[in-house]
Each structure stands twice: as C-alpha cells, then as structure tokens.
Protein backbone atom coordinates (compact mmCIF):
# COMPACT_ATOMS: atom_id res chain seq x y z
CA MET A 1 130.86 19.22 202.70
CA SER A 2 132.91 20.40 199.64
CA THR A 3 131.89 21.40 196.38
CA ALA A 4 133.65 22.21 193.12
CA ASN A 5 133.55 25.69 191.58
CA ALA A 6 133.21 26.36 187.87
CA SER A 7 137.00 26.76 187.71
CA GLY A 8 137.63 23.32 189.31
CA GLU A 9 138.62 24.35 192.75
CA ILE A 10 137.21 22.87 195.63
CA SER A 11 135.57 24.97 198.03
CA GLU A 12 134.80 24.14 201.35
CA GLY A 13 132.32 25.59 204.11
CA LYS A 14 129.44 26.21 201.35
CA ALA A 15 126.76 23.75 201.87
CA LEU A 16 123.97 23.62 199.44
CA SER A 17 120.57 22.56 200.65
CA TYR A 18 118.38 20.43 198.48
CA ASP A 19 116.01 23.35 197.99
CA ALA A 20 118.46 25.59 196.83
CA VAL A 21 119.59 23.04 194.11
CA VAL A 22 116.08 22.59 192.93
CA LYS A 23 115.78 26.32 192.63
CA GLN A 24 118.99 26.59 190.65
CA PHE A 25 117.79 23.76 188.41
CA GLY A 26 114.45 25.19 188.13
CA ALA A 27 115.97 28.71 187.14
CA LEU A 28 118.15 26.97 184.43
CA GLU A 29 115.30 25.10 183.32
CA SER A 30 113.13 28.30 182.69
CA ARG A 31 116.19 29.84 181.13
CA LEU A 32 116.62 27.02 178.92
CA ASP A 33 112.93 26.93 178.14
CA GLY A 34 113.12 30.72 177.16
CA ILE A 35 116.06 30.00 174.94
CA MET A 36 114.24 27.08 173.27
CA SER A 37 111.23 29.29 172.62
CA ILE A 38 113.45 31.85 170.92
CA ILE A 39 115.23 29.16 168.76
CA LYS A 40 111.55 27.91 167.88
CA GLU A 41 110.58 31.52 166.90
CA VAL A 42 113.79 31.91 164.96
CA ASN A 43 113.15 28.58 163.28
CA THR A 44 109.65 29.49 162.31
CA LYS A 45 110.74 32.82 160.95
CA LEU A 46 113.48 31.13 158.94
CA GLU A 47 111.04 28.58 157.69
CA GLN A 48 108.62 31.45 156.71
CA GLN A 49 111.43 33.33 154.99
CA ASP A 50 112.42 30.26 153.19
CA MET A 51 108.88 29.57 152.05
CA ALA A 52 108.61 33.09 150.99
CA ARG A 53 111.87 32.65 148.91
CA LYS A 54 110.56 29.62 147.34
CA LYS A 55 107.06 31.43 146.47
CA ALA A 56 109.06 34.20 144.85
CA ALA A 57 111.24 32.05 143.01
CA LEU A 58 108.30 30.16 141.77
CA LEU A 59 106.52 33.28 140.84
CA ALA A 60 109.71 34.58 139.04
CA GLN A 61 109.95 31.37 137.02
CA LYS A 62 106.34 31.80 136.12
CA ILE A 63 106.55 35.31 135.14
CA ALA A 64 109.83 34.34 133.15
CA ALA A 65 107.84 31.53 131.36
CA ARG A 66 105.17 33.95 130.41
CA ARG A 67 107.43 36.58 129.31
CA ALA A 68 109.24 34.04 127.09
CA SER A 69 105.97 32.69 125.61
CA LEU A 70 104.86 36.14 125.06
CA MET A 71 108.20 37.10 123.15
CA SER A 72 107.94 33.92 121.12
CA GLU A 73 104.21 34.82 120.10
CA GLU A 74 105.68 38.53 119.29
CA GLU A 75 108.48 36.96 117.29
CA GLU A 76 106.26 34.51 115.39
CA ALA A 77 103.69 37.39 114.56
CA LYS A 78 106.50 39.63 113.33
CA HIS A 79 107.87 36.51 111.46
CA LYS A 80 104.32 36.16 109.85
CA GLU A 81 104.07 39.62 109.08
CA GLU A 82 107.60 39.70 107.28
CA GLU A 83 106.32 36.64 105.30
CA ALA A 84 103.13 38.35 104.53
CA LYS A 85 104.95 41.45 103.06
CA LYS A 86 107.21 39.27 101.16
CA LYS A 87 104.37 37.36 99.48
CA GLU A 88 102.76 40.73 98.69
CA GLU A 89 105.96 41.93 97.14
CA GLU A 90 106.16 38.80 95.10
CA ASP A 91 102.57 38.97 94.11
CA ALA A 92 102.93 42.56 93.00
CA LYS A 93 106.22 41.71 91.05
CA ARG A 94 104.48 38.62 89.49
CA LYS A 95 101.55 40.75 88.34
CA LYS A 96 104.08 43.28 86.97
CA LEU A 97 105.92 40.66 85.16
CA GLU A 98 102.54 39.37 83.73
CA GLU A 99 101.38 42.75 82.71
CA LEU A 100 104.82 43.27 81.04
CA LYS A 101 104.59 39.74 79.21
CA SER A 102 100.99 40.70 77.95
CA ARG A 103 102.29 44.21 76.74
CA LEU A 104 105.13 42.45 74.95
CA SER A 105 102.83 39.84 73.23
CA GLU A 106 100.51 42.97 72.15
CA VAL A 107 103.71 44.55 70.82
CA LYS A 108 104.80 41.49 68.91
CA THR A 109 101.33 41.04 67.36
CA LYS A 110 101.09 44.53 66.23
CA VAL A 111 105.04 44.23 64.87
CA GLU A 112 103.74 41.06 63.01
CA GLU A 113 100.76 42.73 61.69
CA GLY A 114 102.58 45.84 60.59
CA LYS A 115 105.31 43.41 58.83
CA LYS A 116 102.31 41.71 57.14
CA VAL A 117 100.73 44.71 55.99
CA ARG A 118 104.07 46.01 54.69
CA GLU A 119 104.73 42.71 53.09
CA ALA A 120 101.49 42.75 51.38
CA SER A 121 101.78 46.29 50.05
CA ALA A 122 105.29 45.88 48.79
CA ALA A 123 104.46 43.28 46.47
CA PRO A 124 100.92 43.85 44.87
CA ALA A 125 99.91 40.83 43.10
CA GLY A 126 103.22 39.57 41.96
CA LYS A 127 104.22 42.80 40.38
CA GLY A 128 107.17 45.30 41.38
CA ALA A 129 110.65 44.76 42.35
CA VAL A 130 111.64 42.79 45.15
CA GLY A 131 112.39 44.90 48.23
CA ALA A 132 110.36 47.76 47.03
CA VAL A 133 108.45 49.43 49.71
CA LYS A 134 105.20 50.88 48.79
CA GLU A 135 104.25 54.16 50.84
CA GLU A 136 101.66 53.53 53.48
CA ASN A 137 98.73 55.74 54.24
CA ALA A 138 99.07 57.65 57.26
CA ASP A 139 95.26 56.90 58.28
CA PRO A 140 94.12 53.40 57.44
CA TYR A 141 90.52 54.56 58.15
CA ALA A 142 90.74 57.14 55.43
CA ALA A 143 91.16 54.46 52.96
CA LEU A 144 88.52 52.22 54.17
CA PHE A 145 85.70 54.82 54.56
CA GLY A 146 86.82 57.42 51.80
CA GLN A 147 87.05 60.18 54.35
CA SER A 148 89.49 62.85 55.52
CA PRO A 149 92.34 61.70 57.65
CA GLU A 150 90.58 62.85 60.85
CA MET A 151 88.73 60.09 62.70
CA PRO A 152 85.20 60.54 63.93
CA LYS A 153 84.94 61.26 67.61
CA GLU A 154 82.86 58.11 68.08
CA PHE A 155 85.66 55.90 66.90
CA GLN A 156 88.16 57.93 69.09
CA GLU A 157 86.11 57.49 72.17
CA ILE A 158 85.75 53.71 71.38
CA LEU A 159 89.59 53.28 70.81
CA GLY A 160 90.26 55.19 73.86
CA ALA A 161 87.98 53.15 75.98
CA SER A 162 89.58 49.95 74.57
CA ARG A 163 93.07 51.14 75.34
CA LYS A 164 91.98 52.20 78.95
CA PHE A 165 90.52 48.59 79.27
CA GLN A 166 93.71 47.05 78.01
CA GLU A 167 95.96 49.14 80.46
CA LEU A 168 93.66 47.99 83.34
CA GLY A 169 94.18 44.34 82.14
CA LEU A 170 90.35 44.01 81.51
CA LEU A 171 90.73 43.62 77.70
CA SER A 172 93.26 41.22 76.25
CA GLY A 173 94.97 41.73 72.53
C-alpha cells in the first residue's frame, strides 16, 4: 500500500493500520479540543475586557456629566453672587443719590428762606432805596428772645439732635 507524505511524495512500504489512524485522529481531536478551549478562554477574557471597558466608559461619562453639572451650578452660583453684588452697589448708589438730592433740596429751601429774609429786611414797609441791604443780626434768637447772642444749652441740644436725625435720614427738612 502506498501513502502520501505531507510533502506530497508517495512512500511505499508503510502500512497504517486502522487502529493507528484512529489513534492519530484521536490525538488530533484532543489537540483541537485543547486549542478550542484556549480560544474559548481567550474569547471570554476578551469579552470581559470589553465589558470592563464599556463599564469604565460609562462611568467616565457619568463622572464627566456630574462634573459638568457641578461646574454649571458653581458658575450659576458665581453669576448670582455677582448679580447680588451689583444690585447692592446700585442700591447703595441709589441711596447716596437720594441722600444728596434731599440735602440739595434742604440747601435750596434754606437759600430761599435766606433770600426771603434778606428781601424782607432790605425793603422795610416800602421805605428805603432799591437794592439797599440791611445788616442782619448774627443771632436770630437774640432778637426773638431779647437775650445775649449765646443760645441756651437746651436749644443747642435740640438743634444738635435735629441735625443728627437729619443726617441719618430720619427727619426730613
């Protein structure tokens, strides 16, 4: 009987028995089973690695989304703080402006009152030259009460308290 080698040559004189062929096929089959089990192990490890990568990617996405939301919350909080500061500054400026306006109106009323007093003292009952100015008393209280130019301490305390209330904005005019 003749058989073919792996190189394709025909060799004669070697006879293979049926049992030898079955043994060789059995050996090849066991090798193939070993290789297949190794391939299965490699595939399961690759699948596990793939699952681990997917889990890591999902976790990374969740972390990134959380960080983004925290960053947006922080930015929003900073923005609110800035707006609150701006509002406080505007309120302070507005209060200062109102205070200045009230002071200006007080000064205007005092100037008008002084002007009226000067006009009244300049032209007493239709007598005197136009434009003549009569000298004013240094202390209007002395003329009213017939006292010395010094004001009593009680009046000084009352006027001082009145000024303090006006400065604090608790008393108008």
